[in-house]
Amino acid sequence: MMRGREANTAYVAIDQPDVAHVGARRGNDTDSTARSILYGVLQHVGAELSAHETIAVEQDARGSIAQLAAEYETIAAAAQRERWASALRETGLTRSQADGAIHSETFGP
């Protein structure tokens, strides 16, 4: 692509590959035009997002209800951890049993 002061120009190669690279390929079309090739490129879903699109996606993700709810759950769990640990120690378990339960990876859930 060329970006200029007066005009922007896109060049698209529509010639066929050399003899060493000839073979059936997915999407090969012998009647390809520059317009059809550009259309295919622009329709490609795997293309990277532009900077503007990336910012918009990130802003939407950070302000979404799902993100805010997950952050709330994390903060609430951290705030209540000591309360639940104290309650567990007072259940009649031995100190080593209570500490084992508190330090297990399933204590939070």
C-alpha atoms as a PDB file:
ATOM      1  CA  MET A   1       0.000   0.000   0.000  1.00  0.00           C
ATOM      2  CA  MET A   2       1.129   3.513  -0.663  1.00  0.00           C
ATOM      3  CA  ARG A   3      -0.016   6.427   1.414  1.00  0.00           C
ATOM      4  CA  GLY A   4       0.323   9.769  -0.226  1.00  0.00           C
ATOM      5  CA  ARG A   5      -0.571  13.368   0.223  1.00  0.00           C
ATOM      6  CA  GLU A   6      -2.987  13.389  -2.694  1.00  0.00           C
ATOM      7  CA  ALA A   7      -4.181   9.753  -2.746  1.00  0.00           C
ATOM      8  CA  ASN A   8      -3.788   6.350  -1.122  1.00  0.00           C
ATOM      9  CA  THR A   9      -3.137   3.410  -3.416  1.00  0.00           C
ATOM     10  CA  ALA A  10      -3.340  -0.340  -2.793  1.00  0.00           C
ATOM     11  CA  TYR A  11      -1.534  -2.725  -5.153  1.00  0.00           C
ATOM     12  CA  VAL A  12      -2.716  -6.341  -5.366  1.00  0.00           C
ATOM     13  CA  ALA A  13      -0.835  -9.075  -7.212  1.00  0.00           C
ATOM     14  CA  ILE A  14      -3.305 -11.216  -9.143  1.00  0.00           C
ATOM     15  CA  ASP A  15      -0.837 -13.230 -11.197  1.00  0.00           C
ATOM     16  CA  GLN A  16      -0.459 -16.949 -10.566  1.00  0.00           C
ATOM     17  CA  PRO A  17       2.543 -18.389  -8.665  1.00  0.00           C
ATOM     18  CA  ASP A  18       5.484 -19.782 -10.603  1.00  0.00           C
ATOM     19  CA  VAL A  19       5.589 -23.408 -11.789  1.00  0.00           C
ATOM     20  CA  ALA A  20       7.341 -24.647  -8.613  1.00  0.00           C
ATOM     21  CA  HIS A  21       4.417 -23.488  -6.481  1.00  0.00           C
ATOM     22  CA  VAL A  22       1.523 -24.565  -8.675  1.00  0.00           C
ATOM     23  CA  GLY A  23      -1.019 -26.886  -7.147  1.00  0.00           C
ATOM     24  CA  ALA A  24      -4.562 -26.965  -5.931  1.00  0.00           C
ATOM     25  CA  ARG A  25      -5.078 -24.689  -2.961  1.00  0.00           C
ATOM     26  CA  ARG A  26      -8.131 -23.865  -0.968  1.00  0.00           C
ATOM     27  CA  GLY A  27      -9.820 -20.809  -2.392  1.00  0.00           C
ATOM     28  CA  ASN A  28      -7.891 -20.782  -5.662  1.00  0.00           C
ATOM     29  CA  ASP A  29      -9.837 -18.963  -8.291  1.00  0.00           C
ATOM     30  CA  THR A  30      -8.437 -18.596 -11.787  1.00  0.00           C
ATOM     31  CA  ASP A  31     -10.713 -15.598 -12.410  1.00  0.00           C
ATOM     32  CA  SER A  32      -9.525 -13.599  -9.374  1.00  0.00           C
ATOM     33  CA  THR A  33      -9.631  -9.857  -9.639  1.00  0.00           C
ATOM     34  CA  ALA A  34      -7.917  -7.282  -7.467  1.00  0.00           C
ATOM     35  CA  ARG A  35     -11.315  -6.382  -6.029  1.00  0.00           C
ATOM     36  CA  SER A  36     -12.211  -9.997  -5.154  1.00  0.00           C
ATOM     37  CA  ILE A  37      -8.818 -10.532  -3.514  1.00  0.00           C
ATOM     38  CA  LEU A  38      -9.130  -7.353  -1.442  1.00  0.00           C
ATOM     39  CA  TYR A  39     -12.671  -8.321  -0.485  1.00  0.00           C
ATOM     40  CA  GLY A  40     -11.385 -11.692   0.756  1.00  0.00           C
ATOM     41  CA  VAL A  41      -8.616 -10.036   2.751  1.00  0.00           C
ATOM     42  CA  LEU A  42     -11.016  -7.585   4.373  1.00  0.00           C
ATOM     43  CA  GLN A  43     -13.473 -10.372   5.240  1.00  0.00           C
ATOM     44  CA  HIS A  44     -10.761 -12.411   6.979  1.00  0.00           C
ATOM     45  CA  VAL A  45     -11.893 -12.920  10.584  1.00  0.00           C
ATOM     46  CA  GLY A  46      -8.439 -13.771  11.917  1.00  0.00           C
ATOM     47  CA  ALA A  47      -7.097 -10.327  11.106  1.00  0.00           C
ATOM     48  CA  GLU A  48      -5.669  -8.352  13.993  1.00  0.00           C
ATOM     49  CA  LEU A  49      -7.763  -5.577  15.468  1.00  0.00           C
ATOM     50  CA  SER A  50      -6.817  -1.986  14.859  1.00  0.00           C
ATOM     51  CA  ALA A  51      -5.595   0.086  17.801  1.00  0.00           C
ATOM     52  CA  HIS A  52      -8.981   1.816  18.008  1.00  0.00           C
ATOM     53  CA  GLU A  53     -10.851  -1.514  18.011  1.00  0.00           C
ATOM     54  CA  THR A  54      -8.494  -2.949  20.642  1.00  0.00           C
ATOM     55  CA  ILE A  55      -9.075   0.030  22.937  1.00  0.00           C
ATOM     56  CA  ALA A  56     -12.853  -0.277  22.520  1.00  0.00           C
ATOM     57  CA  VAL A  57     -12.792  -4.028  23.257  1.00  0.00           C
ATOM     58  CA  GLU A  58     -10.626  -3.529  26.362  1.00  0.00           C
ATOM     59  CA  GLN A  59     -12.826  -0.699  27.652  1.00  0.00           C
ATOM     60  CA  ASP A  60     -15.952  -2.801  27.157  1.00  0.00           C
ATOM     61  CA  ALA A  61     -14.351  -5.779  28.909  1.00  0.00           C
ATOM     62  CA  ARG A  62     -13.137  -3.744  31.895  1.00  0.00           C
ATOM     63  CA  GLY A  63     -16.481  -2.055  32.405  1.00  0.00           C
ATOM     64  CA  SER A  64     -18.695  -5.073  31.818  1.00  0.00           C
ATOM     65  CA  ILE A  65     -20.991  -6.415  34.508  1.00  0.00           C
ATOM     66  CA  ALA A  66     -19.248  -9.805  34.332  1.00  0.00           C
ATOM     67  CA  GLN A  67     -15.830  -8.224  35.007  1.00  0.00           C
ATOM     68  CA  LEU A  68     -17.172  -6.085  37.857  1.00  0.00           C
ATOM     69  CA  ALA A  69     -18.963  -9.072  39.414  1.00  0.00           C
ATOM     70  CA  ALA A  70     -15.787 -11.175  39.252  1.00  0.00           C
ATOM     71  CA  GLU A  71     -13.785  -8.398  40.905  1.00  0.00           C
ATOM     72  CA  TYR A  72     -16.436  -8.049  43.615  1.00  0.00           C
ATOM     73  CA  GLU A  73     -16.357 -11.793  44.296  1.00  0.00           C
ATOM     74  CA  THR A  74     -12.562 -11.739  44.611  1.00  0.00           C
ATOM     75  CA  ILE A  75     -12.594  -8.775  47.004  1.00  0.00           C
ATOM     76  CA  ALA A  76     -15.444 -10.248  49.066  1.00  0.00           C
ATOM     77  CA  ALA A  77     -13.686 -13.626  49.369  1.00  0.00           C
ATOM     78  CA  ALA A  78     -10.451 -11.977  50.505  1.00  0.00           C
ATOM     79  CA  ALA A  79     -12.311  -9.798  53.005  1.00  0.00           C
ATOM     80  CA  GLN A  80     -14.189 -12.744  54.510  1.00  0.00           C
ATOM     81  CA  ARG A  81     -11.295 -15.248  54.566  1.00  0.00           C
ATOM     82  CA  GLU A  82     -10.274 -14.537  58.178  1.00  0.00           C
ATOM     83  CA  ARG A  83     -13.895 -14.632  59.349  1.00  0.00           C
ATOM     84  CA  TRP A  84     -14.372 -18.098  57.879  1.00  0.00           C
ATOM     85  CA  ALA A  85     -10.998 -19.264  59.190  1.00  0.00           C
ATOM     86  CA  SER A  86     -11.979 -18.190  62.722  1.00  0.00           C
ATOM     87  CA  ALA A  87     -15.346 -19.916  62.410  1.00  0.00           C
ATOM     88  CA  LEU A  88     -13.639 -23.108  61.255  1.00  0.00           C
ATOM     89  CA  ARG A  89     -11.217 -23.057  64.218  1.00  0.00           C
ATOM     90  CA  GLU A  90     -14.189 -22.852  66.584  1.00  0.00           C
ATOM     91  CA  THR A  91     -15.980 -25.928  65.199  1.00  0.00           C
ATOM     92  CA  GLY A  92     -14.274 -28.416  67.481  1.00  0.00           C
ATOM     93  CA  LEU A  93     -11.621 -29.576  65.026  1.00  0.00           C
ATOM     94  CA  THR A  94      -8.095 -29.977  66.310  1.00  0.00           C
ATOM     95  CA  ARG A  95      -5.721 -27.133  65.517  1.00  0.00           C
ATOM     96  CA  SER A  96      -3.873 -29.226  62.904  1.00  0.00           C
ATOM     97  CA  GLN A  97      -7.153 -30.299  61.244  1.00  0.00           C
ATOM     98  CA  ALA A  98      -8.427 -26.704  61.095  1.00  0.00           C
ATOM     99  CA  ASP A  99      -5.086 -25.422  59.773  1.00  0.00           C
ATOM    100  CA  GLY A 100      -5.033 -28.215  57.186  1.00  0.00           C
ATOM    101  CA  ALA A 101      -8.497 -27.238  55.987  1.00  0.00           C
ATOM    102  CA  ILE A 102      -7.667 -23.512  55.941  1.00  0.00           C
ATOM    103  CA  HIS A 103      -4.459 -24.026  53.958  1.00  0.00           C
ATOM    104  CA  SER A 104      -5.995 -26.474  51.457  1.00  0.00           C
ATOM    105  CA  GLU A 105      -6.694 -25.215  47.958  1.00  0.00           C
ATOM    106  CA  THR A 106     -10.408 -25.891  48.411  1.00  0.00           C
ATOM    107  CA  PHE A 107     -10.825 -23.556  51.409  1.00  0.00           C
ATOM    108  CA  GLY A 108     -11.823 -20.539  49.285  1.00  0.00           C
ATOM    109  CA  PRO A 109     -14.550 -22.247  47.274  1.00  0.00           C
END
